[in-house]
Amino acid sequence: MDENQESLDFDVIIVGAGVSGIDAAYHLQQDLPERSYVVLDSLESFGGTWLTHRYPGVRSDTDLYTFGYSFKPWTGDPIASAERIRDYLSEVIVENGIDAHMRYRHRVLDASWSSAKNRWTLRVRDLETETDQTFTGEFLWMCQGYYKHAEGYTPEWPGFESFEGRVVHPQTWPDDLELDDREVVVIGSGATAATLVPAIAQRCRHVTMLQRSPTYFFSGPNRDELADQLRALEIDEEWIHEIVRRNRLAQLKMLTDVALSEPEFAATELINLVRAELPGGYDVETHFTPRYRPWQQRIAFVPDGDLFKGISSGRASVVTDEIERFTPGGIKLKSGQELGCDVIITATGFDLSVLGDINFTIDGDDLVFSEQVTYRGMMFTGVPNLCWIFGYFRAAWTLRADLVCAFVCRILKHMRDEDLHRVVPTLRDADLAEARLDWISEEQFNPGYLQRSMHLMPKRLAKPEWGHNQDYWYERDVLPGVPATDDCLVYD
């Protein structure tokens, strides 16, 4: 190699410069400062979701006291805009010197593991120069998220091409979309739709949220009284962050426990909270009474009740029906009603991306992830020196990212101290006869994006060490105590 040529060999390669990748970089620097690392991301900057999602009003659907990092106090409103979240992430990057390790506009095309070399080799496209580079590393840390950033999921509807207006997916929001004095239909009822509808209601002539079935919502002020009281007492922000974080987690645990143990009671309470936000006589049974149990899908938080205020004002409305077909002037529903509109926004979700849709090989053989078994929802049988951060559905993503980062650093420390070069999750003899189950059961969590792509996901066994646990409080107590020498992990 030319002495002026930059080395592209690292101890650790982190793929993804979003919330998870930044978390991984921070923990790696804190726990193993001697380890070299690089962070690769195909986007033009950091942030992941908070960079690609640019639709009006885009915000978190989880409070930042729990979605924020444990090591970095959050000082703003609990529910934050994408811009404010990126400011927060920028502070973490700059304060810890992580920016020196970032390589933006670098897309990983394929990754191959060599047992002879005990290393990963990544073919990476530099999107600025349109040339390929080769990165090598001992450990591969996948932090690229879980959905495809390039485009969202749009169902196939009859007559779709006949619509004469404009159709937009929130994930690829255009800069030139004109909404003023337009009739708009937003298809969907999840957190994205609940964010978009109040954000554009004041600009449109009218906006209709068209849903096939209702979603659970709860609302409250976008402030934290406890945090306000502590700030008034001039308590240090680090203390405030930790106290408020624990308080909010206690409240979330209470909601989760009730939803799982008394689902009918929890459903009634959540629906009644929505009823109280709407005008008397509003048809809550049709439009805000879901068909599933609370927490089988995410419960969307509506800060300051803005969605319900939009409905109450008459500038927004909800229609619960199924689409028969698109027409030149709008959407015809199975009930026979036709929604006339100028713009249709398909807030219909996204497509799952399993490990960034990268082509993986192990010693020359193609790796099929759906044939592997997950180890604690972060590593995979037969796959050496690789971790994937996949967060919680019922709690803040970052809570699990923190736990996984600490665990991976314990593994890396053990490998350093014992001069080991490979770790592979391996089924024990007692595990071999166990039935292989879907990544997560439909009974536990059943959003469309997961059900559509379950066949692509690794399998699990009916044992806690061979599954992706969705219980933060269980993992908070258990994962820190799992040793790097766990008998499910084979080193050499």
Protein backbone atom coordinates (compact mmCIF):
# COMPACT_ATOMS: atom_id res chain seq x y z
CA MET A 1 0.00 0.00 0.00
CA ASP A 2 1.21 3.50 -0.83
CA GLU A 3 2.37 5.28 2.35
CA ASN A 4 -0.01 8.14 1.57
CA GLN A 5 -2.98 5.83 1.03
CA GLU A 6 -5.50 5.70 3.85
CA SER A 7 -5.96 2.32 5.54
CA LEU A 8 -9.50 0.97 5.30
CA ASP A 9 -8.94 -1.79 7.85
CA PHE A 10 -10.60 -1.34 11.25
CA ASP A 11 -11.24 -3.33 14.39
CA VAL A 12 -14.96 -2.54 14.19
CA ILE A 13 -17.12 -1.42 11.26
CA ILE A 14 -20.42 0.23 12.22
CA VAL A 15 -23.02 0.38 9.45
CA GLY A 16 -25.50 3.22 9.96
CA ALA A 17 -25.13 6.75 11.33
CA GLY A 18 -28.54 7.01 12.93
CA VAL A 19 -29.54 6.73 16.56
CA SER A 20 -28.16 3.17 16.91
CA GLY A 21 -24.89 3.78 15.09
CA ILE A 22 -24.10 6.88 17.15
CA ASP A 23 -24.90 4.91 20.31
CA ALA A 24 -22.58 2.08 19.24
CA ALA A 25 -19.75 4.51 18.47
CA TYR A 26 -20.13 6.22 21.84
CA HIS A 27 -20.06 2.95 23.81
CA LEU A 28 -17.13 1.62 21.81
CA GLN A 29 -15.10 4.76 22.52
CA GLN A 30 -15.96 4.69 26.20
CA ASP A 31 -15.34 0.99 26.82
CA LEU A 32 -12.61 0.15 24.29
CA PRO A 33 -10.89 3.41 23.36
CA GLU A 34 -7.95 1.56 21.83
CA ARG A 35 -10.18 -0.05 19.17
CA SER A 36 -10.26 1.56 15.73
CA TYR A 37 -13.63 1.96 14.07
CA VAL A 38 -15.48 3.58 11.19
CA VAL A 39 -19.16 4.46 10.71
CA LEU A 40 -20.51 4.01 7.19
CA ASP A 41 -23.79 5.50 5.96
CA SER A 42 -25.25 5.87 2.48
CA LEU A 43 -27.01 9.14 3.34
CA GLU A 44 -25.45 12.58 3.09
CA SER A 45 -25.39 13.10 6.85
CA PHE A 46 -26.24 11.53 10.21
CA GLY A 47 -29.67 10.91 11.65
CA GLY A 48 -31.22 8.07 9.64
CA THR A 49 -34.99 8.39 10.05
CA TRP A 50 -34.64 11.95 11.34
CA LEU A 51 -32.86 12.93 8.13
CA THR A 52 -34.93 11.04 5.54
CA HIS A 53 -38.38 11.85 6.95
CA ARG A 54 -39.21 15.40 5.92
CA TYR A 55 -42.98 15.47 5.80
CA PRO A 56 -44.81 18.32 7.61
CA GLY A 57 -44.75 18.08 11.38
CA VAL A 58 -42.42 15.06 11.51
CA ARG A 59 -41.74 14.28 15.15
CA SER A 60 -40.97 11.48 17.57
CA ASP A 61 -43.77 9.20 18.73
CA THR A 62 -41.81 8.39 21.91
CA ASP A 63 -40.77 10.86 24.61
CA LEU A 64 -37.15 11.98 24.38
CA TYR A 65 -36.45 11.34 28.05
CA THR A 66 -36.55 7.63 27.21
CA PHE A 67 -35.75 7.83 23.49
CA GLY A 68 -32.74 10.02 24.24
CA TYR A 69 -29.49 8.42 25.34
CA SER A 70 -28.90 7.49 28.96
CA PHE A 71 -25.61 9.43 28.89
CA LYS A 72 -26.89 12.65 27.29
CA PRO A 73 -29.58 14.72 29.10
CA TRP A 74 -32.62 15.80 27.11
CA THR A 75 -33.71 19.36 27.90
CA GLY A 76 -36.56 20.07 25.47
CA ASP A 77 -40.21 19.10 25.08
CA PRO A 78 -40.85 15.36 25.54
CA ILE A 79 -42.14 14.95 21.98
CA ALA A 80 -39.64 16.59 19.64
CA SER A 81 -39.42 17.58 16.00
CA ALA A 82 -36.98 15.83 13.67
CA GLU A 83 -34.91 19.02 13.54
CA ARG A 84 -34.56 19.16 17.31
CA ILE A 85 -33.64 15.46 17.48
CA ARG A 86 -30.93 15.97 14.88
CA ASP A 87 -29.58 18.90 16.89
CA TYR A 88 -29.38 16.58 19.90
CA LEU A 89 -27.62 13.86 17.88
CA SER A 90 -25.22 16.46 16.47
CA GLU A 91 -24.27 17.49 20.00
CA VAL A 92 -23.50 13.86 20.90
CA ILE A 93 -21.37 13.42 17.77
CA VAL A 94 -19.37 16.63 18.22
CA GLU A 95 -18.94 16.39 21.99
CA ASN A 96 -17.47 12.90 21.65
CA GLY A 97 -15.43 13.34 18.49
CA ILE A 98 -17.48 10.74 16.64
CA ASP A 99 -17.64 12.93 13.53
CA ALA A 100 -14.01 12.06 12.71
CA HIS A 101 -15.08 8.43 12.21
CA MET A 102 -18.11 9.09 9.97
CA ARG A 103 -18.07 8.26 6.26
CA TYR A 104 -21.23 9.54 4.60
CA ARG A 105 -22.43 8.64 1.09
CA HIS A 106 -20.85 5.20 1.53
CA ARG A 107 -23.24 2.37 0.68
CA VAL A 108 -22.37 -1.19 1.67
CA LEU A 109 -23.05 -3.49 -1.28
CA ASP A 110 -21.91 -6.82 0.10
CA ALA A 111 -20.13 -8.30 3.09
CA SER A 112 -18.11 -11.51 3.17
CA TRP A 113 -16.62 -13.33 6.14
CA SER A 114 -13.37 -15.27 5.89
CA SER A 115 -12.66 -17.83 8.61
CA ALA A 116 -9.07 -18.07 7.38
CA LYS A 117 -8.53 -14.37 8.06
CA ASN A 118 -11.16 -13.94 10.83
CA ARG A 119 -12.30 -10.78 9.12
CA TRP A 120 -15.20 -9.20 7.32
CA THR A 121 -14.58 -7.69 3.90
CA LEU A 122 -17.09 -5.09 2.72
CA ARG A 123 -17.49 -3.80 -0.80
CA VAL A 124 -18.59 -0.21 -0.37
CA ARG A 125 -19.78 2.21 -3.05
CA ASP A 126 -18.56 5.78 -2.60
CA LEU A 127 -21.63 7.59 -3.92
CA GLU A 128 -19.71 10.83 -4.47
CA THR A 129 -17.13 9.32 -6.80
CA GLU A 130 -19.18 6.28 -7.94
CA THR A 131 -16.21 4.05 -7.18
CA ASP A 132 -16.02 0.92 -5.03
CA GLN A 133 -13.80 0.64 -1.98
CA THR A 134 -12.88 -2.34 0.17
CA PHE A 135 -13.24 -2.03 3.94
CA THR A 136 -12.11 -4.81 6.26
CA GLY A 137 -12.80 -5.31 9.94
CA GLU A 138 -12.82 -7.90 12.69
CA PHE A 139 -16.33 -7.11 13.96
CA LEU A 140 -19.38 -5.90 12.01
CA TRP A 141 -21.96 -3.87 13.91
CA MET A 142 -25.20 -3.44 11.94
CA CYS A 143 -27.02 -0.27 13.04
CA GLN A 144 -28.81 0.59 9.81
CA GLY A 145 -32.33 0.32 11.23
CA TYR A 146 -35.10 -1.98 10.10
CA TYR A 147 -36.87 -0.46 7.12
CA LYS A 148 -35.99 0.62 3.59
CA HIS A 149 -35.20 4.33 3.50
CA ALA A 150 -35.39 4.79 -0.26
CA GLU A 151 -39.15 4.37 -0.52
CA GLY A 152 -42.14 3.48 1.62
CA TYR A 153 -44.74 0.76 1.28
CA THR A 154 -47.73 1.48 -0.96
CA PRO A 155 -50.37 -1.24 -1.48
CA GLU A 156 -51.62 -2.07 -4.97
CA TRP A 157 -55.06 -0.53 -5.45
CA PRO A 158 -57.35 -0.97 -8.49
CA GLY A 159 -57.40 2.10 -10.67
CA PHE A 160 -54.37 3.65 -8.98
CA GLU A 161 -53.03 5.05 -12.26
CA SER A 162 -56.36 6.66 -13.13
CA PHE A 163 -56.19 9.26 -10.34
CA GLU A 164 -55.56 12.67 -11.93
CA GLY A 165 -54.21 14.35 -8.82
CA ARG A 166 -50.94 13.78 -7.03
CA VAL A 167 -50.02 10.76 -4.88
CA VAL A 168 -47.25 11.15 -2.30
CA HIS A 169 -45.72 8.81 0.28
CA PRO A 170 -44.54 10.63 3.44
CA GLN A 171 -41.20 8.82 3.32
CA THR A 172 -40.35 10.53 0.02
CA TRP A 173 -41.98 13.90 0.60
CA PRO A 174 -41.37 16.28 -2.34
CA ASP A 175 -40.34 19.89 -1.87
CA ASP A 176 -42.78 21.17 -4.49
CA LEU A 177 -46.03 19.69 -3.12
CA GLU A 178 -48.74 22.36 -2.99
CA LEU A 179 -51.39 21.81 -0.31
CA ASP A 180 -52.91 25.26 0.13
CA ASP A 181 -56.67 25.20 -0.52
CA ARG A 182 -56.49 21.57 -1.65
CA GLU A 183 -58.72 18.65 -0.73
CA VAL A 184 -56.39 16.04 0.75
CA VAL A 185 -56.86 12.40 1.76
CA VAL A 186 -54.29 10.78 4.06
CA ILE A 187 -54.51 6.99 3.87
CA GLY A 188 -53.47 5.39 7.15
CA SER A 189 -54.04 5.79 10.87
CA GLY A 190 -50.66 5.24 12.52
CA ALA A 191 -48.24 7.72 14.03
CA THR A 192 -47.34 9.22 10.64
CA ALA A 193 -50.95 9.93 9.71
CA ALA A 194 -51.65 11.28 13.21
CA THR A 195 -48.72 13.66 12.76
CA LEU A 196 -49.50 14.74 9.20
CA VAL A 197 -53.21 15.45 9.58
CA PRO A 198 -52.94 18.21 12.21
CA ALA A 199 -49.77 19.57 10.58
CA ILE A 200 -51.48 20.23 7.25
CA ALA A 201 -55.06 20.85 8.43
CA GLN A 202 -54.57 24.61 8.63
CA ARG A 203 -53.26 24.75 5.06
CA CYS A 204 -55.70 22.48 3.25
CA ARG A 205 -59.27 23.21 2.35
CA HIS A 206 -59.97 19.96 4.16
CA VAL A 207 -58.03 16.82 5.07
CA THR A 208 -59.55 13.36 5.54
CA MET A 209 -57.79 10.56 7.38
CA LEU A 210 -58.95 7.40 5.61
CA GLN A 211 -58.35 4.27 7.63
CA ARG A 212 -59.20 0.63 7.11
CA SER A 213 -59.27 0.10 10.88
CA PRO A 214 -58.67 2.33 13.92
CA THR A 215 -55.52 2.75 16.00
CA TYR A 216 -55.07 3.27 19.73
CA PHE A 217 -54.08 6.81 20.69
CA PHE A 218 -53.47 8.65 23.88
CA SER A 219 -52.75 12.32 24.30
CA GLY A 220 -51.43 14.77 26.82
CA PRO A 221 -49.54 18.03 27.14
CA ASN A 222 -46.20 18.15 25.38
CA ARG A 223 -44.38 19.04 28.55
CA ASP A 224 -43.27 17.24 31.69
CA GLU A 225 -44.44 18.77 34.95
CA LEU A 226 -41.84 16.90 36.98
CA ALA A 227 -39.03 18.20 34.75
CA ASP A 228 -40.43 21.73 35.00
CA GLN A 229 -40.56 21.52 38.80
CA LEU A 230 -37.01 20.20 39.03
CA ARG A 231 -35.70 22.94 36.72
CA ALA A 232 -37.47 25.54 38.82
CA LEU A 233 -35.44 24.17 41.76
CA GLU A 234 -32.26 24.53 39.65
CA ILE A 235 -31.51 20.81 39.77
CA ASP A 236 -28.66 19.67 37.53
CA GLU A 237 -29.87 18.58 34.06
CA GLU A 238 -28.22 15.16 34.39
CA TRP A 239 -30.24 14.51 37.56
CA ILE A 240 -33.41 15.81 35.91
CA HIS A 241 -32.89 13.54 32.90
CA GLU A 242 -32.41 10.45 35.06
CA ILE A 243 -35.30 11.20 37.44
CA VAL A 244 -37.77 12.02 34.66
CA ARG A 245 -36.56 9.05 32.62
CA ARG A 246 -37.22 6.68 35.54
CA ASN A 247 -40.60 8.25 36.21
CA ARG A 248 -41.71 7.90 32.59
CA LEU A 249 -40.48 4.31 32.44
CA ALA A 250 -42.47 3.53 35.58
CA GLN A 251 -45.59 5.00 33.95
CA LEU A 252 -44.95 3.06 30.74
CA LYS A 253 -44.51 -0.17 32.70
CA MET A 254 -47.82 0.42 34.44
CA LEU A 255 -49.58 0.95 31.10
CA THR A 256 -47.88 -2.10 29.58
CA ASP A 257 -48.69 -4.36 32.54
CA VAL A 258 -52.36 -3.34 32.49
CA ALA A 259 -52.58 -3.70 28.70
CA LEU A 260 -51.21 -7.24 28.88
CA SER A 261 -53.02 -8.44 32.01
CA GLU A 262 -56.33 -6.59 31.57
CA PRO A 263 -56.58 -5.80 27.84
CA GLU A 264 -60.31 -5.04 27.84
CA PHE A 265 -59.95 -2.57 30.71
CA ALA A 266 -56.92 -0.92 29.07
CA ALA A 267 -58.75 -0.67 25.75
CA THR A 268 -61.78 0.95 27.39
CA GLU A 269 -59.63 3.49 29.23
CA LEU A 270 -57.67 4.44 26.11
CA ILE A 271 -60.84 4.81 24.04
CA ASN A 272 -62.49 6.92 26.75
CA LEU A 273 -59.47 9.25 26.80
CA VAL A 274 -59.96 9.81 23.08
CA ARG A 275 -63.72 10.25 23.54
CA ALA A 276 -63.06 13.06 26.02
CA GLU A 277 -61.00 14.92 23.38
CA LEU A 278 -63.77 14.89 20.75
CA PRO A 279 -67.14 16.65 20.44
CA GLY A 280 -70.14 15.06 22.13
CA GLY A 281 -71.81 12.41 20.00
CA TYR A 282 -68.74 11.77 17.84
CA ASP A 283 -68.75 8.19 16.50
CA VAL A 284 -65.84 6.90 18.56
CA GLU A 285 -67.01 3.29 18.19
CA THR A 286 -66.47 3.40 14.44
CA HIS A 287 -63.39 5.59 14.13
CA PHE A 288 -61.39 5.11 17.35
CA THR A 289 -62.19 1.60 18.59
CA PRO A 290 -59.44 -0.76 17.34
CA ARG A 291 -60.00 -4.44 16.55
CA TYR A 292 -56.82 -5.59 18.30
CA ARG A 293 -55.57 -5.55 21.87
CA PRO A 294 -53.53 -2.60 23.17
CA TRP A 295 -49.80 -3.03 22.42
CA GLN A 296 -50.27 -5.56 19.64
CA GLN A 297 -49.28 -2.49 17.67
CA ARG A 298 -47.67 0.73 18.85
CA ILE A 299 -49.88 3.15 20.76
CA ALA A 300 -49.48 6.53 19.12
CA PHE A 301 -49.07 9.57 21.38
CA VAL A 302 -50.83 12.76 20.25
CA PRO A 303 -49.08 15.75 21.88
CA ASP A 304 -51.47 18.46 23.07
CA GLY A 305 -54.30 16.54 21.38
CA ASP A 306 -53.55 18.25 18.06
CA LEU A 307 -55.15 15.52 15.93
CA PHE A 308 -58.39 15.72 17.91
CA LYS A 309 -58.36 19.51 17.79
CA GLY A 310 -58.15 19.32 14.01
CA ILE A 311 -61.16 17.00 13.92
CA SER A 312 -63.12 19.13 16.39
CA SER A 313 -62.50 22.27 14.31
CA GLY A 314 -64.01 20.63 11.22
CA ARG A 315 -60.85 21.09 9.16
CA ALA A 316 -60.04 17.39 9.47
CA SER A 317 -62.24 14.31 9.48
CA VAL A 318 -61.90 10.54 9.77
CA VAL A 319 -63.44 7.96 7.45
CA THR A 320 -63.26 4.27 8.36
CA ASP A 321 -63.79 2.15 5.28
CA GLU A 322 -61.98 0.07 2.68
CA ILE A 323 -60.83 1.22 -0.73
CA GLU A 324 -62.63 -0.30 -3.69
CA ARG A 325 -60.66 1.59 -6.31
CA PHE A 326 -59.09 4.88 -7.24
CA THR A 327 -61.00 7.15 -9.63
CA PRO A 328 -59.87 10.16 -11.68
CA GLY A 329 -61.22 12.46 -8.99
CA GLY A 330 -60.41 10.55 -5.81
CA ILE A 331 -61.20 7.27 -4.07
CA LYS A 332 -64.31 5.12 -4.23
CA LEU A 333 -64.94 3.17 -1.02
CA LYS A 334 -66.56 -0.24 -0.59
CA SER A 335 -69.47 1.45 1.17
CA GLY A 336 -70.20 3.30 -2.07
CA GLN A 337 -68.99 6.68 -0.79
CA GLU A 338 -66.52 8.56 -2.97
CA LEU A 339 -63.88 10.86 -1.49
CA GLY A 340 -63.04 13.60 -3.93
CA CYS A 341 -59.56 15.04 -3.54
CA ASP A 342 -56.65 16.79 -5.22
CA VAL A 343 -53.85 15.08 -3.29
CA ILE A 344 -53.58 11.60 -1.79
CA ILE A 345 -50.92 10.93 0.87
CA THR A 346 -50.24 7.23 1.41
CA ALA A 347 -49.18 6.98 5.06
CA THR A 348 -49.31 3.21 4.64
CA GLY A 349 -46.08 2.21 6.32
CA PHE A 350 -42.76 0.91 5.11
CA ASP A 351 -40.98 -2.21 3.94
CA LEU A 352 -38.78 -4.13 6.34
CA SER A 353 -35.08 -4.22 5.54
CA VAL A 354 -33.24 -7.21 6.97
CA LEU A 355 -29.69 -6.10 7.76
CA GLY A 356 -29.73 -3.39 5.12
CA ASP A 357 -30.54 -5.82 2.27
CA ILE A 358 -26.80 -6.38 1.93
CA ASN A 359 -25.53 -9.56 0.27
CA PHE A 360 -23.75 -11.61 2.94
CA THR A 361 -21.50 -14.61 2.44
CA ILE A 362 -19.71 -16.83 4.94
CA ASP A 363 -16.57 -18.46 3.53
CA GLY A 364 -17.98 -18.10 0.04
CA ASP A 365 -21.46 -19.46 0.78
CA ASP A 366 -24.51 -17.20 0.56
CA LEU A 367 -25.98 -16.43 3.96
CA VAL A 368 -29.76 -16.82 4.25
CA PHE A 369 -30.75 -15.08 7.48
CA SER A 370 -34.18 -16.67 7.58
CA GLU A 371 -32.49 -20.04 8.07
CA GLN A 372 -30.60 -18.89 11.16
CA VAL A 373 -31.75 -18.55 14.77
CA THR A 374 -31.37 -15.26 16.61
CA TYR A 375 -29.35 -15.02 19.80
CA ARG A 376 -31.14 -12.55 22.10
CA GLY A 377 -32.41 -10.60 19.10
CA MET A 378 -28.95 -9.25 18.28
CA MET A 379 -26.71 -12.04 16.89
CA PHE A 380 -27.32 -15.10 14.71
CA THR A 381 -26.30 -18.73 14.64
CA GLY A 382 -23.56 -19.49 12.16
CA VAL A 383 -22.70 -15.80 11.68
CA PRO A 384 -19.35 -14.82 13.25
CA ASN A 385 -18.53 -11.42 14.72
CA LEU A 386 -21.76 -9.67 13.81
CA CYS A 387 -24.40 -7.84 15.82
CA TRP A 388 -27.66 -6.18 14.70
CA ILE A 389 -29.33 -3.53 16.85
CA PHE A 390 -33.09 -3.99 16.71
CA GLY A 391 -35.01 -2.03 19.34
CA TYR A 392 -38.30 -2.35 21.16
CA PHE A 393 -41.78 -2.04 19.70
CA ARG A 394 -43.44 -1.12 23.02
CA ALA A 395 -40.73 1.14 24.44
CA ALA A 396 -38.10 3.52 23.12
CA TRP A 397 -35.76 2.04 20.53
CA THR A 398 -32.74 3.54 22.27
CA LEU A 399 -33.42 1.70 25.53
CA ARG A 400 -32.54 -1.56 23.82
CA ALA A 401 -29.72 -0.01 21.81
CA ASP A 402 -28.02 0.97 25.09
CA LEU A 403 -28.39 -2.57 26.49
CA VAL A 404 -27.11 -4.21 23.31
CA CYS A 405 -24.16 -1.81 23.06
CA ALA A 406 -23.06 -2.65 26.59
CA PHE A 407 -23.35 -6.38 25.86
CA VAL A 408 -21.35 -6.18 22.61
CA CYS A 409 -18.61 -4.22 24.35
CA ARG A 410 -18.38 -6.98 26.98
CA ILE A 411 -17.89 -9.50 24.17
CA LEU A 412 -15.22 -7.34 22.52
CA LYS A 413 -13.40 -6.88 25.85
CA HIS A 414 -13.43 -10.63 26.42
CA MET A 415 -12.02 -11.26 22.95
CA ARG A 416 -9.30 -8.66 23.55
CA ASP A 417 -8.33 -9.96 26.98
CA GLU A 418 -8.26 -13.62 25.92
CA ASP A 419 -6.68 -12.98 22.49
CA LEU A 420 -9.72 -14.43 20.73
CA HIS A 421 -10.70 -13.53 17.17
CA ARG A 422 -14.08 -15.11 16.52
CA VAL A 423 -17.40 -15.45 18.32
CA VAL A 424 -20.32 -17.43 16.86
CA PRO A 425 -23.71 -18.02 18.52
CA THR A 426 -24.20 -21.78 18.39
CA LEU A 427 -27.16 -23.94 19.33
CA ARG A 428 -26.37 -26.29 22.17
CA ASP A 429 -27.20 -30.00 21.96
CA ALA A 430 -30.31 -29.40 24.06
CA ASP A 431 -31.47 -26.74 21.58
CA LEU A 432 -31.24 -28.75 18.39
CA ALA A 433 -34.60 -30.50 18.74
CA GLU A 434 -36.48 -27.27 19.55
CA ALA A 435 -39.05 -26.05 17.03
CA ARG A 436 -38.03 -23.01 15.01
CA LEU A 437 -40.60 -20.25 15.35
CA ASP A 438 -41.22 -16.91 13.67
CA TRP A 439 -39.04 -13.98 14.80
CA ILE A 440 -41.96 -12.71 16.88
CA SER A 441 -45.45 -14.12 17.28
CA GLU A 442 -48.43 -12.36 15.72
CA GLU A 443 -50.08 -12.57 19.14
CA GLN A 444 -47.31 -10.39 20.58
CA PHE A 445 -46.96 -7.80 17.82
CA ASN A 446 -48.69 -7.70 14.44
CA PRO A 447 -48.12 -4.53 12.37
CA GLY A 448 -48.40 -4.97 8.64
CA TYR A 449 -44.75 -4.31 7.81
CA LEU A 450 -43.64 -7.14 10.09
CA GLN A 451 -46.27 -9.62 8.92
CA ARG A 452 -45.45 -8.90 5.26
CA SER A 453 -41.77 -9.69 5.79
CA MET A 454 -41.70 -12.28 8.57
CA HIS A 455 -40.47 -14.92 6.12
CA LEU A 456 -37.26 -12.90 5.67
CA MET A 457 -36.44 -12.70 9.36
CA PRO A 458 -34.31 -15.14 11.38
CA LYS A 459 -36.09 -17.68 13.54
CA ARG A 460 -36.37 -18.03 17.31
CA LEU A 461 -36.77 -20.87 19.77
CA ALA A 462 -39.10 -20.98 22.77
CA LYS A 463 -36.20 -20.07 25.04
CA PRO A 464 -35.31 -16.54 26.19
CA GLU A 465 -31.72 -16.75 24.95
CA TRP A 466 -32.90 -17.66 21.45
CA GLY A 467 -35.47 -14.91 20.89
CA HIS A 468 -36.01 -11.19 20.56
CA ASN A 469 -37.55 -10.17 23.86
CA GLN A 470 -39.90 -7.19 23.81
CA ASP A 471 -39.88 -6.63 27.56
CA TYR A 472 -37.48 -3.80 28.42
CA TRP A 473 -37.86 -4.33 32.15
CA TYR A 474 -36.94 -8.00 31.84
CA GLU A 475 -33.93 -7.26 29.64
CA ARG A 476 -32.84 -4.36 31.84
CA ASP A 477 -32.47 -6.83 34.70
CA VAL A 478 -31.19 -9.83 32.72
CA LEU A 479 -28.91 -8.62 29.90
CA PRO A 480 -26.33 -6.82 32.10
CA GLY A 481 -25.82 -10.10 33.95
CA VAL A 482 -25.31 -12.27 30.85
CA PRO A 483 -21.57 -12.98 30.72
CA ALA A 484 -19.50 -12.81 27.58
CA THR A 485 -18.72 -16.47 28.32
CA ASP A 486 -22.39 -17.49 27.91
CA ASP A 487 -22.49 -21.12 26.76
CA CYS A 488 -24.46 -20.11 23.65
CA LEU A 489 -21.37 -18.30 22.37
CA VAL A 490 -18.45 -20.24 20.89
CA TYR A 491 -15.08 -18.47 20.65
CA ASP A 492 -11.78 -19.25 19.01
